[in-house]
Amino acid sequence: MTIKEIQEEIIEDFELFDDWEGKYEYIIDLGKSLPKMSDEFKTEDNVIKGCQSLVWLNAYTEGDKVYFQADSEAIIVKGLVSMLLKVLSGHKADEILNADLYFIEKVGLAGHLAQTRSNGLASMVKQMKMYALAYTSQELKI
């Protein structure tokens, strides 16, 4: 699936809920289903700066695709990062770099998250794009 198709799927999922209580429960469920991140990647180098909660993000490549794994101690944040992983993980670096993550606005996250959570979400996106940029520059050197 393309990044756009995955975003459309997330938007459709959120439309199933009538209120934000249901949407928050859905985000929490997404966090609970986030694959466990190995403790070896829960290092200071992998901590996302700018997040109120502790969030770890690791990236690696397989072939020409970038994959992410993440974890957080905060259950809502786990759900948020789970959505970002669903959208961006497994795509080419240039696709990640050029991705317009419009689903965040479309599902209403921007207006329903506390400012600190919103800032943290932006920091997660920024870090994922920085990893993609790093892999793009590595590809250019090869």
N, C-alpha and C. Protein backbone atom coordinates (compact mmCIF):
# COMPACT_ATOMS: atom_id res chain seq x y z
N MET A 1 0.84 -1.20 0.00
CA MET A 1 0.00 0.00 0.00
C MET A 1 0.87 1.25 0.00
N THR A 2 0.36 2.28 -0.62
CA THR A 2 1.10 3.55 -0.63
C THR A 2 0.85 4.30 0.67
N ILE A 3 1.67 5.31 0.93
CA ILE A 3 1.49 6.15 2.11
C ILE A 3 0.12 6.80 2.09
N LYS A 4 -0.30 7.27 0.92
CA LYS A 4 -1.62 7.90 0.78
C LYS A 4 -2.74 6.91 1.10
N GLU A 5 -2.64 5.69 0.58
CA GLU A 5 -3.68 4.69 0.82
C GLU A 5 -3.78 4.33 2.31
N ILE A 6 -2.65 4.23 2.97
CA ILE A 6 -2.64 3.91 4.40
C ILE A 6 -3.29 5.05 5.19
N GLN A 7 -2.97 6.29 4.81
CA GLN A 7 -3.59 7.44 5.49
C GLN A 7 -5.10 7.43 5.30
N GLU A 8 -5.56 7.13 4.10
CA GLU A 8 -7.00 7.08 3.83
C GLU A 8 -7.67 6.00 4.68
N GLU A 9 -6.98 4.89 4.86
CA GLU A 9 -7.50 3.80 5.70
C GLU A 9 -7.65 4.26 7.16
N ILE A 10 -6.65 4.97 7.65
CA ILE A 10 -6.71 5.48 9.03
C ILE A 10 -7.86 6.48 9.18
N ILE A 11 -8.02 7.36 8.20
CA ILE A 11 -9.11 8.33 8.23
C ILE A 11 -10.46 7.62 8.27
N GLU A 12 -10.61 6.59 7.45
CA GLU A 12 -11.86 5.80 7.45
C GLU A 12 -12.09 5.14 8.80
N ASP A 13 -11.02 4.61 9.41
CA ASP A 13 -11.16 3.98 10.73
C ASP A 13 -11.66 4.98 11.76
N PHE A 14 -11.14 6.18 11.73
CA PHE A 14 -11.55 7.20 12.70
C PHE A 14 -12.99 7.67 12.48
N GLU A 15 -13.46 7.58 11.25
CA GLU A 15 -14.83 7.99 10.95
C GLU A 15 -15.86 7.05 11.56
N LEU A 16 -15.43 5.87 12.00
CA LEU A 16 -16.33 4.92 12.64
C LEU A 16 -16.76 5.37 14.03
N PHE A 17 -16.04 6.33 14.60
CA PHE A 17 -16.32 6.76 15.96
C PHE A 17 -17.07 8.09 15.97
N ASP A 18 -18.07 8.17 16.85
CA ASP A 18 -18.90 9.38 16.94
C ASP A 18 -18.29 10.44 17.83
N ASP A 19 -17.47 10.04 18.78
CA ASP A 19 -16.93 11.01 19.73
C ASP A 19 -15.46 10.73 20.00
N TRP A 20 -14.83 11.67 20.71
CA TRP A 20 -13.40 11.53 20.96
C TRP A 20 -13.07 10.49 22.02
N GLU A 21 -14.03 10.15 22.83
CA GLU A 21 -13.79 9.08 23.81
C GLU A 21 -13.49 7.77 23.05
N GLY A 22 -14.29 7.48 22.05
CA GLY A 22 -14.08 6.29 21.23
C GLY A 22 -12.79 6.36 20.45
N LYS A 23 -12.46 7.54 19.95
CA LYS A 23 -11.22 7.71 19.18
C LYS A 23 -10.00 7.51 20.07
N TYR A 24 -10.07 8.03 21.31
CA TYR A 24 -8.95 7.84 22.23
C TYR A 24 -8.78 6.36 22.58
N GLU A 25 -9.90 5.66 22.77
CA GLU A 25 -9.82 4.23 23.06
C GLU A 25 -9.18 3.48 21.89
N TYR A 26 -9.52 3.91 20.68
CA TYR A 26 -8.94 3.30 19.48
C TYR A 26 -7.43 3.55 19.43
N ILE A 27 -7.02 4.77 19.74
CA ILE A 27 -5.58 5.10 19.76
C ILE A 27 -4.86 4.25 20.81
N ILE A 28 -5.48 4.09 21.97
CA ILE A 28 -4.89 3.26 23.02
C ILE A 28 -4.76 1.81 22.55
N ASP A 29 -5.80 1.29 21.87
CA ASP A 29 -5.73 -0.07 21.34
C ASP A 29 -4.60 -0.22 20.32
N LEU A 30 -4.40 0.80 19.49
CA LEU A 30 -3.30 0.77 18.53
C LEU A 30 -1.96 0.68 19.27
N GLY A 31 -1.85 1.42 20.36
CA GLY A 31 -0.63 1.38 21.16
C GLY A 31 -0.38 0.02 21.78
N LYS A 32 -1.46 -0.63 22.20
CA LYS A 32 -1.33 -1.96 22.79
C LYS A 32 -0.88 -2.98 21.77
N SER A 33 -1.19 -2.75 20.50
CA SER A 33 -0.81 -3.70 19.45
C SER A 33 0.55 -3.40 18.83
N LEU A 34 1.21 -2.33 19.30
CA LEU A 34 2.53 -1.98 18.79
C LEU A 34 3.51 -3.11 19.14
N PRO A 35 4.22 -3.63 18.15
CA PRO A 35 5.19 -4.71 18.45
C PRO A 35 6.21 -4.26 19.49
N LYS A 36 6.56 -5.19 20.36
CA LYS A 36 7.51 -4.89 21.42
C LYS A 36 8.86 -4.52 20.82
N MET A 37 9.43 -3.46 21.36
CA MET A 37 10.75 -3.02 20.93
C MET A 37 11.79 -3.64 21.87
N SER A 38 12.83 -4.19 21.29
CA SER A 38 13.90 -4.79 22.07
C SER A 38 14.56 -3.74 22.96
N ASP A 39 14.89 -4.12 24.18
CA ASP A 39 15.53 -3.20 25.12
C ASP A 39 16.87 -2.67 24.60
N GLU A 40 17.52 -3.42 23.71
CA GLU A 40 18.81 -2.97 23.18
C GLU A 40 18.66 -1.66 22.39
N PHE A 41 17.44 -1.35 21.91
CA PHE A 41 17.22 -0.12 21.16
C PHE A 41 16.67 1.02 22.02
N LYS A 42 16.40 0.72 23.27
CA LYS A 42 15.89 1.75 24.19
C LYS A 42 17.08 2.46 24.83
N THR A 43 17.77 3.22 23.98
CA THR A 43 18.96 3.93 24.41
C THR A 43 18.72 5.43 24.34
N GLU A 44 19.61 6.16 24.95
CA GLU A 44 19.53 7.62 24.94
C GLU A 44 19.59 8.16 23.51
N ASP A 45 20.37 7.52 22.66
CA ASP A 45 20.49 7.95 21.26
C ASP A 45 19.17 7.82 20.50
N ASN A 46 18.32 6.90 20.92
CA ASN A 46 17.04 6.67 20.24
C ASN A 46 15.86 7.41 20.88
N VAL A 47 16.12 8.18 21.91
CA VAL A 47 15.05 8.97 22.54
C VAL A 47 14.72 10.17 21.66
N ILE A 48 13.44 10.38 21.42
CA ILE A 48 13.01 11.52 20.60
C ILE A 48 12.97 12.76 21.49
N LYS A 49 13.74 13.75 21.08
CA LYS A 49 13.76 15.02 21.82
C LYS A 49 12.49 15.80 21.48
N GLY A 50 11.94 16.49 22.47
CA GLY A 50 10.75 17.29 22.23
C GLY A 50 9.46 16.61 22.63
N CYS A 51 9.55 15.38 23.10
CA CYS A 51 8.37 14.67 23.56
C CYS A 51 8.29 14.77 25.08
N GLN A 52 7.09 15.01 25.57
CA GLN A 52 6.88 15.08 27.01
C GLN A 52 7.11 13.70 27.64
N SER A 53 6.63 12.66 26.97
CA SER A 53 6.81 11.29 27.43
C SER A 53 8.08 10.72 26.81
N LEU A 54 8.58 9.68 27.43
CA LEU A 54 9.76 9.01 26.90
C LEU A 54 9.35 8.19 25.67
N VAL A 55 9.97 8.48 24.52
CA VAL A 55 9.69 7.78 23.27
C VAL A 55 11.01 7.38 22.63
N TRP A 56 11.11 6.12 22.26
CA TRP A 56 12.29 5.61 21.57
C TRP A 56 11.90 5.31 20.12
N LEU A 57 12.79 5.65 19.21
CA LEU A 57 12.56 5.38 17.80
C LEU A 57 13.85 4.85 17.19
N ASN A 58 13.75 3.71 16.54
CA ASN A 58 14.89 3.11 15.85
C ASN A 58 14.52 2.92 14.39
N ALA A 59 15.49 3.09 13.51
CA ALA A 59 15.26 2.90 12.08
C ALA A 59 16.32 1.97 11.52
N TYR A 60 15.94 1.23 10.52
CA TYR A 60 16.87 0.36 9.81
C TYR A 60 16.37 0.19 8.38
N THR A 61 17.25 -0.28 7.51
CA THR A 61 16.85 -0.49 6.12
C THR A 61 16.93 -1.97 5.77
N GLU A 62 16.06 -2.33 4.86
CA GLU A 62 16.12 -3.64 4.20
C GLU A 62 15.92 -3.34 2.73
N GLY A 63 16.94 -3.60 1.95
CA GLY A 63 16.89 -3.23 0.54
C GLY A 63 16.82 -1.72 0.42
N ASP A 64 15.84 -1.23 -0.32
CA ASP A 64 15.71 0.22 -0.50
C ASP A 64 14.61 0.81 0.37
N LYS A 65 14.17 0.07 1.39
CA LYS A 65 13.07 0.54 2.24
C LYS A 65 13.55 0.80 3.67
N VAL A 66 12.94 1.80 4.28
CA VAL A 66 13.26 2.17 5.66
C VAL A 66 12.15 1.63 6.57
N TYR A 67 12.56 1.01 7.65
CA TYR A 67 11.62 0.47 8.62
C TYR A 67 11.88 1.12 9.97
N PHE A 68 10.80 1.29 10.72
CA PHE A 68 10.90 1.91 12.04
C PHE A 68 10.33 0.97 13.09
N GLN A 69 10.88 1.09 14.28
CA GLN A 69 10.31 0.46 15.46
C GLN A 69 10.37 1.50 16.56
N ALA A 70 9.36 1.47 17.43
CA ALA A 70 9.28 2.50 18.46
C ALA A 70 8.57 1.96 19.69
N ASP A 71 8.72 2.71 20.76
CA ASP A 71 8.03 2.38 22.00
C ASP A 71 7.94 3.65 22.84
N SER A 72 7.02 3.63 23.77
CA SER A 72 6.86 4.74 24.71
C SER A 72 6.29 4.19 26.01
N GLU A 73 6.55 4.92 27.08
CA GLU A 73 5.98 4.54 28.37
C GLU A 73 4.54 5.02 28.49
N ALA A 74 4.12 5.97 27.65
CA ALA A 74 2.77 6.53 27.71
C ALA A 74 1.88 5.83 26.67
N ILE A 75 0.74 5.32 27.11
CA ILE A 75 -0.11 4.50 26.26
C ILE A 75 -0.70 5.28 25.08
N ILE A 76 -1.08 6.54 25.28
CA ILE A 76 -1.60 7.35 24.16
C ILE A 76 -0.48 7.59 23.15
N VAL A 77 0.70 7.89 23.63
CA VAL A 77 1.84 8.15 22.75
C VAL A 77 2.19 6.89 21.95
N LYS A 78 2.08 5.72 22.59
CA LYS A 78 2.31 4.46 21.87
C LYS A 78 1.34 4.35 20.70
N GLY A 79 0.10 4.75 20.93
CA GLY A 79 -0.90 4.71 19.86
C GLY A 79 -0.57 5.68 18.74
N LEU A 80 -0.13 6.88 19.11
CA LEU A 80 0.23 7.88 18.10
C LEU A 80 1.41 7.41 17.25
N VAL A 81 2.44 6.91 17.92
CA VAL A 81 3.62 6.45 17.19
C VAL A 81 3.28 5.20 16.37
N SER A 82 2.35 4.41 16.84
CA SER A 82 1.90 3.24 16.09
C SER A 82 1.30 3.66 14.75
N MET A 83 0.51 4.73 14.76
CA MET A 83 -0.07 5.24 13.50
C MET A 83 1.03 5.72 12.56
N LEU A 84 2.01 6.43 13.09
CA LEU A 84 3.11 6.93 12.25
C LEU A 84 3.89 5.77 11.64
N LEU A 85 4.14 4.73 12.43
CA LEU A 85 4.83 3.57 11.91
C LEU A 85 4.02 2.89 10.82
N LYS A 86 2.72 2.79 11.04
CA LYS A 86 1.85 2.16 10.05
C LYS A 86 1.92 2.91 8.72
N VAL A 87 1.98 4.24 8.79
CA VAL A 87 2.00 5.07 7.58
C VAL A 87 3.37 5.08 6.90
N LEU A 88 4.45 5.21 7.66
CA LEU A 88 5.76 5.47 7.07
C LEU A 88 6.69 4.27 6.98
N SER A 89 6.59 3.32 7.87
CA SER A 89 7.51 2.19 7.88
C SER A 89 7.31 1.30 6.66
N GLY A 90 8.44 0.89 6.06
CA GLY A 90 8.38 -0.01 4.93
C GLY A 90 8.31 0.68 3.58
N HIS A 91 8.62 1.96 3.57
CA HIS A 91 8.62 2.73 2.32
C HIS A 91 10.03 3.22 2.00
N LYS A 92 10.21 3.64 0.77
CA LYS A 92 11.50 4.18 0.36
C LYS A 92 11.75 5.51 1.06
N ALA A 93 13.02 5.81 1.28
CA ALA A 93 13.40 7.03 2.01
C ALA A 93 12.82 8.28 1.36
N ASP A 94 12.87 8.37 0.03
CA ASP A 94 12.35 9.58 -0.62
C ASP A 94 10.84 9.69 -0.47
N GLU A 95 10.13 8.56 -0.40
CA GLU A 95 8.68 8.60 -0.18
C GLU A 95 8.37 9.13 1.22
N ILE A 96 9.17 8.72 2.19
CA ILE A 96 8.99 9.18 3.57
C ILE A 96 9.28 10.67 3.66
N LEU A 97 10.36 11.09 3.03
CA LEU A 97 10.73 12.50 3.05
C LEU A 97 9.67 13.39 2.42
N ASN A 98 9.06 12.92 1.36
CA ASN A 98 8.08 13.73 0.63
C ASN A 98 6.64 13.52 1.09
N ALA A 99 6.44 12.67 2.09
CA ALA A 99 5.09 12.36 2.54
C ALA A 99 4.42 13.57 3.20
N ASP A 100 3.22 13.86 2.74
CA ASP A 100 2.36 14.87 3.37
C ASP A 100 1.46 14.09 4.33
N LEU A 101 1.71 14.21 5.60
CA LEU A 101 0.95 13.44 6.59
C LEU A 101 -0.34 14.16 6.96
N TYR A 102 -1.23 14.22 6.00
CA TYR A 102 -2.50 14.94 6.16
C TYR A 102 -3.49 14.24 7.07
N PHE A 103 -3.28 12.95 7.33
CA PHE A 103 -4.23 12.22 8.18
C PHE A 103 -4.29 12.80 9.59
N ILE A 104 -3.20 13.38 10.06
CA ILE A 104 -3.15 13.95 11.41
C ILE A 104 -4.21 15.04 11.56
N GLU A 105 -4.31 15.88 10.55
CA GLU A 105 -5.31 16.96 10.55
C GLU A 105 -6.70 16.41 10.27
N LYS A 106 -6.81 15.50 9.31
CA LYS A 106 -8.11 14.98 8.88
C LYS A 106 -8.85 14.24 9.99
N VAL A 107 -8.12 13.50 10.83
CA VAL A 107 -8.79 12.78 11.91
C VAL A 107 -9.01 13.65 13.14
N GLY A 108 -8.46 14.86 13.12
CA GLY A 108 -8.69 15.80 14.21
C GLY A 108 -7.67 15.75 15.33
N LEU A 109 -6.59 15.03 15.12
CA LEU A 109 -5.59 14.92 16.20
C LEU A 109 -5.02 16.27 16.59
N ALA A 110 -4.75 17.10 15.59
CA ALA A 110 -4.14 18.40 15.86
C ALA A 110 -4.97 19.22 16.84
N GLY A 111 -6.28 19.14 16.73
CA GLY A 111 -7.15 19.93 17.60
C GLY A 111 -7.52 19.28 18.91
N HIS A 112 -7.25 17.98 19.04
CA HIS A 112 -7.67 17.27 20.26
C HIS A 112 -6.52 16.81 21.15
N LEU A 113 -5.31 17.06 20.73
CA LEU A 113 -4.17 16.71 21.57
C LEU A 113 -3.72 17.94 22.34
N ALA A 114 -3.25 17.73 23.54
CA ALA A 114 -2.66 18.82 24.31
C ALA A 114 -1.46 19.35 23.53
N GLN A 115 -1.12 20.58 23.74
CA GLN A 115 -0.02 21.22 23.01
C GLN A 115 1.28 20.41 23.12
N THR A 116 1.54 19.89 24.32
CA THR A 116 2.77 19.12 24.50
C THR A 116 2.74 17.82 23.70
N ARG A 117 1.58 17.18 23.62
CA ARG A 117 1.45 15.95 22.82
C ARG A 117 1.58 16.27 21.33
N SER A 118 0.99 17.38 20.93
CA SER A 118 1.07 17.82 19.54
C SER A 118 2.52 18.10 19.15
N ASN A 119 3.24 18.76 20.03
CA ASN A 119 4.66 19.03 19.80
C ASN A 119 5.45 17.72 19.71
N GLY A 120 5.11 16.78 20.57
CA GLY A 120 5.77 15.48 20.57
C GLY A 120 5.51 14.72 19.28
N LEU A 121 4.27 14.79 18.79
CA LEU A 121 3.93 14.14 17.54
C LEU A 121 4.75 14.74 16.39
N ALA A 122 4.86 16.05 16.38
CA ALA A 122 5.67 16.73 15.36
C ALA A 122 7.13 16.31 15.47
N SER A 123 7.63 16.13 16.69
CA SER A 123 9.02 15.69 16.88
C SER A 123 9.22 14.27 16.36
N MET A 124 8.22 13.41 16.55
CA MET A 124 8.32 12.04 16.03
C MET A 124 8.39 12.05 14.51
N VAL A 125 7.52 12.83 13.88
CA VAL A 125 7.52 12.94 12.42
C VAL A 125 8.86 13.47 11.93
N LYS A 126 9.34 14.51 12.58
CA LYS A 126 10.62 15.11 12.20
C LYS A 126 11.76 14.09 12.28
N GLN A 127 11.79 13.31 13.36
CA GLN A 127 12.86 12.33 13.53
C GLN A 127 12.77 11.23 12.47
N MET A 128 11.57 10.80 12.15
CA MET A 128 11.41 9.77 11.12
C MET A 128 11.90 10.29 9.77
N LYS A 129 11.59 11.53 9.48
CA LYS A 129 12.04 12.12 8.22
C LYS A 129 13.56 12.33 8.23
N MET A 130 14.13 12.63 9.40
CA MET A 130 15.58 12.78 9.50
C MET A 130 16.28 11.44 9.24
N TYR A 131 15.72 10.36 9.77
CA TYR A 131 16.28 9.03 9.48
C TYR A 131 16.22 8.76 7.98
N ALA A 132 15.09 9.08 7.35
CA ALA A 132 14.94 8.86 5.91
C ALA A 132 15.97 9.69 5.14
N LEU A 133 16.17 10.93 5.58
CA LEU A 133 17.16 11.79 4.94
C LEU A 133 18.56 11.20 5.06
N ALA A 134 18.87 10.68 6.24
CA ALA A 134 20.19 10.06 6.47
C ALA A 134 20.38 8.86 5.53
N TYR A 135 19.34 8.04 5.37
CA TYR A 135 19.46 6.89 4.47
C TYR A 135 19.54 7.33 3.02
N THR A 136 18.88 8.42 2.66
CA THR A 136 18.97 8.95 1.30
C THR A 136 20.38 9.39 1.00
N SER A 137 21.01 10.09 1.93
CA SER A 137 22.38 10.55 1.70
C SER A 137 23.35 9.37 1.66
N GLN A 138 23.07 8.32 2.39
CA GLN A 138 23.92 7.11 2.31
C GLN A 138 23.81 6.48 0.94
N GLU A 139 22.59 6.44 0.40
CA GLU A 139 22.37 5.85 -0.92
C GLU A 139 23.14 6.63 -1.99
N LEU A 140 23.22 7.93 -1.84
CA LEU A 140 23.91 8.76 -2.82
C LEU A 140 25.41 8.50 -2.84
N LYS A 141 25.96 8.07 -1.68
CA LYS A 141 27.40 7.83 -1.58
C LYS A 141 27.79 6.47 -2.19
N ILE A 142 26.82 5.59 -2.31
CA ILE A 142 27.13 4.22 -2.78
C ILE A 142 27.38 4.21 -4.28
